[in-house]
């Protein structure tokens, strides 16, 4: 049985994974606004810097968009075909298939 070392995950990666799963499961829909940074960090029991790091990564991957003065929203990833961010999201989560 091939065991592999267990690596501790950064908090921000746990936040990324949780938000990805919520998007995949349809609990966070395209165009939906995420709770405020303060509320989200309290709900997820992570520091605000860890949350910011996760949100920045998800924005870079095209899954979230920030609108000045309005907040952070789930990107509209569905058009006439699957978008690149959505394809990558499916590729990294077996349960999406």
N, C-alpha and C. Protein backbone atom coordinates (compact mmCIF):
# COMPACT_ATOMS: atom_id res chain seq x y z
N UNK A 1 0.85 -1.17 0.00
CA UNK A 1 0.00 0.00 0.00
C UNK A 1 0.90 1.24 0.00
N UNK A 2 0.80 2.08 -1.02
CA UNK A 2 1.70 3.25 -1.14
C UNK A 2 1.22 4.44 -0.31
N UNK A 3 1.84 4.61 0.83
CA UNK A 3 1.53 5.76 1.65
C UNK A 3 2.40 6.93 1.24
N UNK A 4 1.85 8.12 1.36
CA UNK A 4 2.60 9.32 1.03
C UNK A 4 2.59 10.25 2.24
N UNK A 5 3.61 11.07 2.36
CA UNK A 5 3.66 12.00 3.49
C UNK A 5 2.45 12.95 3.48
N UNK A 6 1.98 13.22 4.66
CA UNK A 6 0.88 14.17 4.81
C UNK A 6 1.48 15.55 4.96
N UNK A 7 1.02 16.46 4.15
CA UNK A 7 1.53 17.83 4.22
C UNK A 7 0.45 18.74 4.77
N UNK A 8 0.89 19.62 5.64
CA UNK A 8 -0.05 20.57 6.21
C UNK A 8 -0.44 21.58 5.14
N UNK A 9 -1.70 21.85 5.06
CA UNK A 9 -2.21 22.76 4.05
C UNK A 9 -2.28 24.18 4.62
N UNK A 10 -1.94 25.14 3.77
CA UNK A 10 -2.09 26.54 4.18
C UNK A 10 -3.58 26.83 4.34
N UNK A 11 -3.91 27.69 5.28
CA UNK A 11 -5.31 28.05 5.49
C UNK A 11 -5.94 28.60 4.22
N UNK A 12 -5.20 29.42 3.50
CA UNK A 12 -5.76 30.01 2.29
C UNK A 12 -6.14 28.93 1.27
N UNK A 13 -5.37 27.83 1.21
CA UNK A 13 -5.70 26.75 0.28
C UNK A 13 -6.98 26.03 0.71
N UNK A 14 -7.20 25.93 2.00
CA UNK A 14 -8.44 25.35 2.50
C UNK A 14 -9.63 26.22 2.13
N UNK A 15 -9.46 27.53 2.19
CA UNK A 15 -10.52 28.46 1.80
C UNK A 15 -10.78 28.34 0.31
N UNK A 16 -9.72 28.28 -0.49
CA UNK A 16 -9.86 28.13 -1.95
C UNK A 16 -10.66 26.88 -2.25
N UNK A 17 -10.27 25.77 -1.65
CA UNK A 17 -10.94 24.49 -1.91
C UNK A 17 -12.41 24.55 -1.51
N UNK A 18 -12.71 25.17 -0.37
CA UNK A 18 -14.09 25.26 0.08
C UNK A 18 -14.95 26.10 -0.86
N UNK A 19 -14.42 27.23 -1.31
CA UNK A 19 -15.18 28.08 -2.24
C UNK A 19 -15.36 27.38 -3.58
N UNK A 20 -14.31 26.68 -4.04
CA UNK A 20 -14.43 25.91 -5.29
C UNK A 20 -15.56 24.88 -5.19
N UNK A 21 -15.61 24.17 -4.08
CA UNK A 21 -16.66 23.15 -3.91
C UNK A 21 -18.05 23.78 -3.86
N UNK A 22 -18.17 24.94 -3.22
CA UNK A 22 -19.47 25.62 -3.17
C UNK A 22 -19.91 26.04 -4.57
N UNK A 23 -18.95 26.46 -5.40
CA UNK A 23 -19.27 26.83 -6.78
C UNK A 23 -19.67 25.58 -7.56
N UNK A 24 -18.90 24.50 -7.42
CA UNK A 24 -19.20 23.26 -8.13
C UNK A 24 -20.56 22.70 -7.76
N UNK A 25 -20.91 22.79 -6.51
CA UNK A 25 -22.19 22.24 -6.04
C UNK A 25 -23.37 23.17 -6.33
N UNK A 26 -23.09 24.35 -6.85
CA UNK A 26 -24.17 25.28 -7.18
C UNK A 26 -24.68 26.06 -6.00
N UNK A 27 -23.98 25.99 -4.88
CA UNK A 27 -24.40 26.76 -3.71
C UNK A 27 -23.97 28.21 -3.83
N UNK A 28 -22.90 28.45 -4.58
CA UNK A 28 -22.51 29.81 -4.97
C UNK A 28 -22.70 29.88 -6.48
N UNK A 29 -23.57 30.74 -6.91
CA UNK A 29 -23.93 30.81 -8.34
C UNK A 29 -23.25 32.01 -9.02
N UNK A 30 -23.09 31.92 -10.34
CA UNK A 30 -22.51 33.05 -11.08
C UNK A 30 -23.25 34.35 -10.78
N UNK A 31 -22.48 35.39 -10.49
CA UNK A 31 -23.05 36.69 -10.19
C UNK A 31 -23.41 36.89 -8.73
N UNK A 32 -23.35 35.83 -7.93
CA UNK A 32 -23.70 35.94 -6.51
C UNK A 32 -22.58 36.64 -5.74
N UNK A 33 -22.98 37.52 -4.84
CA UNK A 33 -22.02 38.26 -4.02
C UNK A 33 -21.64 37.43 -2.80
N UNK A 34 -20.35 37.38 -2.51
CA UNK A 34 -19.87 36.70 -1.31
C UNK A 34 -20.13 37.60 -0.10
N UNK A 35 -20.25 37.00 1.08
CA UNK A 35 -20.39 37.83 2.29
C UNK A 35 -19.17 38.75 2.43
N UNK A 36 -19.30 39.74 3.29
CA UNK A 36 -18.19 40.67 3.52
C UNK A 36 -16.97 39.92 4.02
N UNK A 37 -15.82 40.53 3.85
CA UNK A 37 -14.56 39.92 4.29
C UNK A 37 -14.61 39.57 5.78
N UNK A 38 -15.11 40.47 6.56
CA UNK A 38 -15.19 40.24 8.01
C UNK A 38 -16.09 39.04 8.32
N UNK A 39 -17.27 39.03 7.72
CA UNK A 39 -18.22 37.94 7.97
C UNK A 39 -17.68 36.59 7.48
N UNK A 40 -17.10 36.59 6.30
CA UNK A 40 -16.57 35.36 5.72
C UNK A 40 -15.41 34.81 6.55
N UNK A 41 -14.52 35.68 7.00
CA UNK A 41 -13.40 35.21 7.81
C UNK A 41 -13.88 34.65 9.14
N UNK A 42 -14.93 35.23 9.72
CA UNK A 42 -15.49 34.71 10.97
C UNK A 42 -16.16 33.36 10.75
N UNK A 43 -16.95 33.25 9.68
CA UNK A 43 -17.64 31.99 9.37
C UNK A 43 -16.68 30.84 9.12
N UNK A 44 -15.56 31.15 8.45
CA UNK A 44 -14.62 30.11 8.07
C UNK A 44 -13.51 29.94 9.11
N UNK A 45 -13.52 30.77 10.13
CA UNK A 45 -12.54 30.73 11.22
C UNK A 45 -11.11 30.84 10.70
N UNK A 46 -10.89 31.81 9.81
CA UNK A 46 -9.56 32.09 9.28
C UNK A 46 -9.28 33.58 9.43
N UNK A 47 -8.02 33.94 9.37
CA UNK A 47 -7.66 35.36 9.46
C UNK A 47 -8.04 36.06 8.15
N UNK A 48 -8.19 37.35 8.23
CA UNK A 48 -8.52 38.12 7.04
C UNK A 48 -7.40 38.07 6.00
N UNK A 49 -6.11 38.11 6.42
CA UNK A 49 -5.05 37.97 5.41
C UNK A 49 -5.10 36.62 4.67
N UNK A 50 -5.42 35.54 5.38
CA UNK A 50 -5.56 34.23 4.71
C UNK A 50 -6.72 34.26 3.73
N UNK A 51 -7.81 34.88 4.14
CA UNK A 51 -8.98 34.99 3.26
C UNK A 51 -8.64 35.82 2.03
N UNK A 52 -7.94 36.94 2.22
CA UNK A 52 -7.55 37.79 1.09
C UNK A 52 -6.66 37.03 0.10
N UNK A 53 -5.75 36.24 0.64
CA UNK A 53 -4.86 35.45 -0.21
C UNK A 53 -5.67 34.45 -1.05
N UNK A 54 -6.65 33.82 -0.44
CA UNK A 54 -7.50 32.86 -1.15
C UNK A 54 -8.33 33.55 -2.22
N UNK A 55 -8.90 34.67 -1.89
CA UNK A 55 -9.73 35.41 -2.84
C UNK A 55 -8.88 35.88 -4.02
N UNK A 56 -7.66 36.35 -3.73
CA UNK A 56 -6.76 36.79 -4.81
C UNK A 56 -6.45 35.63 -5.76
N UNK A 57 -6.21 34.45 -5.19
CA UNK A 57 -5.94 33.28 -6.04
C UNK A 57 -7.14 32.93 -6.91
N UNK A 58 -8.33 32.96 -6.31
CA UNK A 58 -9.54 32.65 -7.07
C UNK A 58 -9.83 33.71 -8.13
N UNK A 59 -9.48 34.95 -7.85
CA UNK A 59 -9.63 36.01 -8.85
C UNK A 59 -8.65 35.79 -10.00
N UNK A 60 -7.41 35.43 -9.67
CA UNK A 60 -6.41 35.17 -10.71
C UNK A 60 -6.82 34.01 -11.60
N UNK A 61 -7.54 33.05 -11.04
CA UNK A 61 -7.99 31.89 -11.81
C UNK A 61 -9.31 32.14 -12.53
N UNK A 62 -9.89 33.33 -12.32
CA UNK A 62 -11.10 33.69 -13.05
C UNK A 62 -12.39 33.19 -12.44
N UNK A 63 -12.34 32.71 -11.19
CA UNK A 63 -13.55 32.20 -10.55
C UNK A 63 -14.30 33.26 -9.76
N UNK A 64 -13.59 34.28 -9.30
CA UNK A 64 -14.21 35.39 -8.58
C UNK A 64 -13.81 36.69 -9.23
N UNK A 65 -14.68 37.69 -9.11
CA UNK A 65 -14.37 39.03 -9.60
C UNK A 65 -14.69 40.03 -8.49
N UNK A 66 -13.87 41.06 -8.41
CA UNK A 66 -14.07 42.11 -7.43
C UNK A 66 -14.61 43.34 -8.13
N UNK A 67 -15.63 43.94 -7.55
CA UNK A 67 -16.19 45.18 -8.10
C UNK A 67 -16.02 46.26 -7.05
N UNK A 68 -15.29 47.30 -7.41
CA UNK A 68 -14.98 48.38 -6.46
C UNK A 68 -16.25 48.91 -5.81
N UNK A 69 -16.25 48.94 -4.50
CA UNK A 69 -17.37 49.47 -3.75
C UNK A 69 -18.56 48.53 -3.65
N UNK A 70 -18.52 47.40 -4.33
CA UNK A 70 -19.66 46.48 -4.32
C UNK A 70 -19.35 45.15 -3.64
N UNK A 71 -18.11 44.70 -3.73
CA UNK A 71 -17.75 43.44 -3.10
C UNK A 71 -17.14 42.45 -4.08
N UNK A 72 -17.12 41.19 -3.65
CA UNK A 72 -16.54 40.11 -4.45
C UNK A 72 -17.68 39.21 -4.90
N UNK A 73 -17.67 38.85 -6.19
CA UNK A 73 -18.75 38.08 -6.78
C UNK A 73 -18.20 36.84 -7.48
N UNK A 74 -19.04 35.82 -7.58
CA UNK A 74 -18.70 34.64 -8.37
C UNK A 74 -18.76 35.07 -9.83
N UNK A 75 -17.70 34.76 -10.56
CA UNK A 75 -17.62 35.15 -11.97
C UNK A 75 -18.67 34.42 -12.78
N UNK A 76 -19.12 35.06 -13.84
CA UNK A 76 -20.05 34.43 -14.77
C UNK A 76 -19.20 33.59 -15.72
N UNK A 77 -19.06 32.31 -15.40
CA UNK A 77 -18.15 31.45 -16.14
C UNK A 77 -18.81 30.69 -17.28
N UNK A 78 -20.12 30.75 -17.36
CA UNK A 78 -20.81 30.01 -18.41
C UNK A 78 -21.24 30.95 -19.52
N UNK A 79 -20.78 30.67 -20.69
CA UNK A 79 -21.19 31.42 -21.86
C UNK A 79 -21.74 30.43 -22.86
N UNK A 80 -21.36 30.58 -24.11
CA UNK A 80 -21.82 29.64 -25.12
C UNK A 80 -21.09 28.31 -24.99
N UNK A 81 -19.95 28.32 -24.30
CA UNK A 81 -19.19 27.09 -24.04
C UNK A 81 -18.57 27.21 -22.66
N UNK A 82 -18.01 26.13 -22.17
CA UNK A 82 -17.35 26.19 -20.87
C UNK A 82 -16.15 27.12 -20.95
N UNK A 83 -16.01 27.95 -19.95
CA UNK A 83 -14.89 28.88 -19.89
C UNK A 83 -13.64 28.16 -19.37
N UNK A 84 -12.49 28.76 -19.62
CA UNK A 84 -11.22 28.19 -19.16
C UNK A 84 -11.18 28.01 -17.64
N UNK A 85 -11.63 29.00 -16.83
CA UNK A 85 -11.61 28.79 -15.38
C UNK A 85 -12.49 27.60 -14.95
N UNK A 86 -13.62 27.42 -15.61
CA UNK A 86 -14.52 26.32 -15.25
C UNK A 86 -13.92 24.98 -15.65
N UNK A 87 -13.27 24.93 -16.79
CA UNK A 87 -12.60 23.69 -17.22
C UNK A 87 -11.52 23.30 -16.23
N UNK A 88 -10.73 24.26 -15.78
CA UNK A 88 -9.68 23.98 -14.80
C UNK A 88 -10.27 23.53 -13.47
N UNK A 89 -11.39 24.13 -13.08
CA UNK A 89 -12.05 23.75 -11.84
C UNK A 89 -12.52 22.30 -11.92
N UNK A 90 -13.12 21.91 -13.03
CA UNK A 90 -13.56 20.53 -13.21
C UNK A 90 -12.37 19.58 -13.20
N UNK A 91 -11.27 20.00 -13.78
CA UNK A 91 -10.10 19.13 -13.88
C UNK A 91 -9.47 18.85 -12.52
N UNK A 92 -9.65 19.74 -11.56
CA UNK A 92 -9.01 19.57 -10.26
C UNK A 92 -9.90 18.95 -9.20
N UNK A 93 -11.17 18.68 -9.53
CA UNK A 93 -12.10 18.10 -8.56
C UNK A 93 -12.80 16.89 -9.18
N UNK A 94 -12.46 15.71 -8.73
CA UNK A 94 -13.03 14.49 -9.25
C UNK A 94 -14.55 14.45 -9.12
N UNK A 95 -15.08 15.01 -8.05
CA UNK A 95 -16.52 14.94 -7.84
C UNK A 95 -17.31 15.76 -8.86
N UNK A 96 -16.65 16.68 -9.56
CA UNK A 96 -17.33 17.49 -10.57
C UNK A 96 -17.68 16.65 -11.80
N UNK A 97 -16.89 15.64 -12.07
CA UNK A 97 -17.13 14.79 -13.22
C UNK A 97 -18.34 13.92 -12.95
